[in-house]
Protein backbone atom coordinates (compact mmCIF):
# COMPACT_ATOMS: atom_id res chain seq x y z
CA MET A 1 0.03 -0.08 0.10
CA ALA A 2 1.83 3.09 -1.34
CA ALA A 3 -0.10 5.11 1.87
CA ALA A 4 2.46 3.24 4.00
CA ARG A 5 5.34 5.12 2.80
CA LYS A 6 3.36 8.26 4.68
CA ILE A 7 4.32 6.54 8.43
CA VAL A 8 7.56 5.66 9.41
CA LYS A 9 7.25 3.59 12.93
CA PRO A 10 10.22 2.22 15.01
CA ARG A 11 11.43 -1.11 14.31
CA ALA A 12 8.66 -3.74 15.08
CA GLN A 13 6.12 -1.25 15.42
CA GLU A 14 2.67 -1.81 13.16
CA PRO A 15 0.94 1.35 12.12
CA THR A 16 -2.76 1.73 13.89
CA GLU A 17 -6.08 1.91 11.77
CA PHE A 18 -6.26 5.27 12.81
CA GLU A 19 -2.67 6.40 12.04
CA MET A 20 -3.18 4.84 8.38
CA LYS A 21 -5.92 6.77 8.12
CA VAL A 22 -4.27 10.03 8.74
CA ALA A 23 -1.06 8.48 6.25
CA GLN A 24 -3.80 7.99 3.62
CA GLU A 25 -4.98 11.49 3.49
CA LEU A 26 -1.52 12.49 3.36
CA TYR A 27 -0.58 10.52 0.37
CA ASN A 28 -3.80 11.66 -1.06
CA LEU A 29 -2.60 15.69 -0.40
CA GLN A 30 0.75 14.87 -2.23
CA ASN A 31 -1.28 13.21 -5.58
CA SER A 32 -4.08 15.81 -5.72
CA PRO A 33 -2.87 18.15 -8.20
CA SER A 34 -4.61 21.44 -7.03
CA VAL A 35 -2.76 21.81 -3.74
CA SER A 36 0.47 23.77 -4.15
CA PHE A 37 2.19 21.98 -1.54
CA LYS A 38 2.63 18.92 -2.43
CA ASN A 39 6.14 18.73 -4.18
CA ASP A 40 7.49 19.83 -0.55
CA LEU A 41 4.68 16.54 1.04
CA LYS A 42 6.79 14.19 -1.17
CA LEU A 43 9.84 13.95 0.95
CA LEU A 44 7.92 14.33 4.32
CA HIS A 45 6.18 11.70 7.07
CA ILE A 46 4.82 11.34 10.28
CA THR A 47 5.92 8.61 12.79
CA ALA A 48 2.71 8.26 14.95
CA ALA A 49 -1.11 10.21 14.94
CA GLN A 50 -3.44 10.19 17.50
CA GLU A 51 -6.59 10.88 18.16
CA VAL A 52 -8.09 13.11 21.34
CA ASP A 53 -10.96 14.42 22.57
CA VAL A 54 -11.42 17.90 23.62
CA ASP A 55 -14.42 19.74 25.68
CA GLY A 56 -17.39 20.77 23.26
CA GLY A 57 -17.52 17.76 21.05
CA LYS A 58 -14.65 18.65 19.31
CA LYS A 59 -11.86 16.72 18.63
CA ALA A 60 -8.37 16.83 17.76
CA ILE A 61 -5.64 15.58 16.28
CA ILE A 62 -1.88 14.90 16.56
CA MET A 63 0.32 13.96 14.21
CA PHE A 64 3.74 13.11 15.08
CA VAL A 65 6.91 13.72 13.06
CA PRO A 66 10.43 13.18 12.88
CA TYR A 67 12.61 15.90 14.74
CA PRO A 68 14.68 16.64 11.40
CA LEU A 69 11.83 16.74 9.15
CA LEU A 70 10.05 19.30 11.25
CA LYS A 71 11.57 22.43 9.50
CA GLU A 72 10.57 21.40 6.29
CA PHE A 73 6.36 20.51 7.94
CA ARG A 74 6.67 23.98 8.92
CA ARG A 75 7.08 25.38 5.83
CA ILE A 76 4.03 23.77 4.53
CA GLN A 77 2.18 23.99 8.19
CA LYS A 78 -0.70 26.44 7.40
CA PRO A 79 -1.94 25.21 3.80
CA LEU A 80 -1.46 21.10 5.27
CA VAL A 81 -3.71 21.72 8.54
CA GLU A 82 -6.33 23.73 6.70
CA GLU A 83 -6.24 20.21 3.86
CA LEU A 84 -6.52 17.93 6.44
CA GLU A 85 -9.20 19.82 8.73
CA LYS A 86 -10.94 19.82 5.92
CA LYS A 87 -10.76 15.93 5.40
CA PHE A 88 -11.60 15.32 8.81
CA SER A 89 -14.45 17.94 9.41
CA GLY A 90 -15.08 18.62 13.27
CA HIS A 91 -11.02 18.13 13.34
CA HIS A 92 -8.43 20.64 14.91
CA VAL A 93 -4.83 18.96 13.85
CA VAL A 94 -1.67 20.00 15.48
CA ILE A 95 1.68 18.97 14.51
CA VAL A 96 4.03 17.99 17.15
CA ALA A 97 8.10 16.99 16.91
CA GLN A 98 8.87 13.50 18.34
CA ARG A 99 11.65 14.38 21.00
CA THR A 100 13.46 12.01 23.11
CA ILE A 101 13.54 12.94 27.07
CA LEU A 102 16.99 11.74 28.57
CA LYS A 103 16.77 10.86 32.47
CA LYS A 104 18.96 12.27 34.72
CA SER A 105 21.06 9.01 34.84
CA TYR A 106 22.06 8.52 31.59
CA ALA A 107 25.28 7.80 30.57
CA ARG A 108 26.60 7.94 27.46
CA ASN A 109 28.74 5.56 25.55
CA ARG A 110 32.75 5.40 25.44
CA LYS A 111 33.34 7.10 22.55
CA PHE A 112 31.29 10.27 23.77
CA SER A 113 31.55 11.98 27.17
CA GLY A 114 30.27 14.49 28.99
CA PRO A 115 26.44 15.83 30.53
CA ARG A 116 23.18 14.99 28.68
CA PRO A 117 22.36 17.64 26.10
CA ARG A 118 20.17 20.42 27.41
CA SER A 119 17.90 19.81 24.65
CA ARG A 120 16.88 15.94 26.24
CA THR A 121 16.14 17.06 29.59
CA LEU A 122 11.99 17.30 30.83
CA LYS A 123 11.88 21.36 30.58
CA VAL A 124 13.11 21.85 27.33
CA VAL A 125 11.51 19.59 25.51
CA GLN A 126 7.76 20.02 27.15
CA GLU A 127 9.08 23.74 26.41
CA ALA A 128 9.41 22.72 22.65
CA VAL A 129 5.88 21.24 22.44
CA LEU A 130 4.34 24.36 23.48
CA GLU A 131 6.22 25.90 20.83
CA ASP A 132 5.26 23.29 18.33
CA LEU A 133 1.53 23.42 19.23
CA VAL A 134 1.12 27.14 19.08
CA TYR A 135 3.26 27.47 15.85
CA PRO A 136 2.94 29.57 13.77
CA THR A 137 2.13 32.19 16.40
CA GLU A 138 4.80 33.11 18.42
CA ILE A 139 4.67 32.73 22.73
CA ILE A 140 5.48 36.33 23.91
CA GLY A 141 5.13 35.56 28.05
CA LYS A 142 4.35 32.37 30.53
CA ARG A 143 3.49 32.93 33.84
CA THR A 144 3.10 29.43 36.13
CA ARG A 145 0.08 30.03 39.26
CA VAL A 146 0.54 27.73 41.92
CA ARG A 147 -2.89 27.17 43.64
CA MET A 148 -3.69 27.54 47.26
CA ASP A 149 -3.97 23.48 47.08
CA GLY A 150 -0.19 23.34 45.71
CA SER A 151 -1.15 22.47 42.30
CA LYS A 152 0.49 24.67 39.47
CA LEU A 153 -1.46 25.79 36.35
CA MET A 154 1.16 27.67 33.88
CA LYS A 155 -0.97 31.03 32.01
CA VAL A 156 0.49 31.24 28.26
CA HIS A 157 0.23 34.85 26.72
CA LEU A 158 0.26 34.50 22.83
CA ASN A 159 0.95 36.59 20.66
CA PRO A 160 -2.21 38.95 19.13
CA LYS A 161 -1.29 39.03 15.59
CA GLY A 162 -1.99 35.27 15.89
CA GLN A 163 -5.63 35.73 17.52
CA LEU A 164 -7.65 35.42 14.63
CA ASN A 165 -5.86 32.21 12.99
CA VAL A 166 -5.88 30.58 16.66
CA GLU A 167 -8.06 32.44 18.82
CA THR A 168 -10.91 28.58 18.02
CA LYS A 169 -8.44 26.21 19.20
CA LEU A 170 -6.86 27.13 23.00
CA GLU A 171 -9.23 24.72 24.02
CA THR A 172 -7.54 22.12 22.00
CA PHE A 173 -3.57 23.36 22.14
CA ALA A 174 -4.37 22.92 26.04
CA THR A 175 -6.25 19.75 26.09
CA VAL A 176 -3.43 18.30 23.91
CA TYR A 177 -0.90 19.54 26.07
CA LYS A 178 -2.31 18.17 29.27
CA ARG A 179 -2.16 15.18 27.43
CA LEU A 180 1.12 14.98 26.06
CA THR A 181 2.42 16.75 29.20
CA ASN A 182 0.03 16.22 32.32
CA LYS A 183 0.00 19.33 33.11
CA GLU A 184 -2.44 22.23 33.34
CA VAL A 185 -2.19 24.98 30.84
CA THR A 186 -4.14 28.00 29.76
CA PHE A 187 -4.04 30.05 27.23
CA GLU A 188 -5.27 33.77 26.45
CA PHE A 189 -3.96 36.53 24.45
CA PRO A 190 -2.60 40.17 26.77
CA VAL A 191 -5.27 42.60 26.24
CA GLN A 192 -3.77 45.80 24.41
CA LYS A 193 -3.72 48.86 25.71
CA LYS A 194 -5.16 52.03 23.63
CA LEU A 195 -2.48 55.02 24.02
CA LYS A 196 -4.25 58.06 24.50
CA GLU A 197 -3.99 60.67 21.42
């Protein structure tokens, strides 16, 4: 099956039925004559896909892509997401890079020495997931609120320039981030103060 080339799993793992459905839609987009980014899509593939329930009866699709291909996916992300959301009506689509987290006791092999790379720590990977979720909108601020019971809530302030594009997806972003990291987060746009003339 040709669509199987659009999903590359680690050895000895078979794609699920839902992942094959997403891969088939990517393959269909790649071969569609009306899509402007089909040449860019030919070289790209995903590693996994998940479906997540969002409040309000909506669903979200998380597409995991290999980290080295993230830059290429970002070049075509806006039209790709729009096309996939048309195909999967009632679903929001988010693209997240597949990253590796190394534990604190990570020991390198004999060839290499030194501590674990900073880019593989839990904190950095979770921050990168946050950036991936809201792309192409930028994060301009973060606040962590500690409640009286000790639980934490992160408030993420997004750039108001992208408000029209992502305002309907804020609940989806929060649900997907909670699913991936088990951390509560709310997304909001800072209030713009008008200058007096």
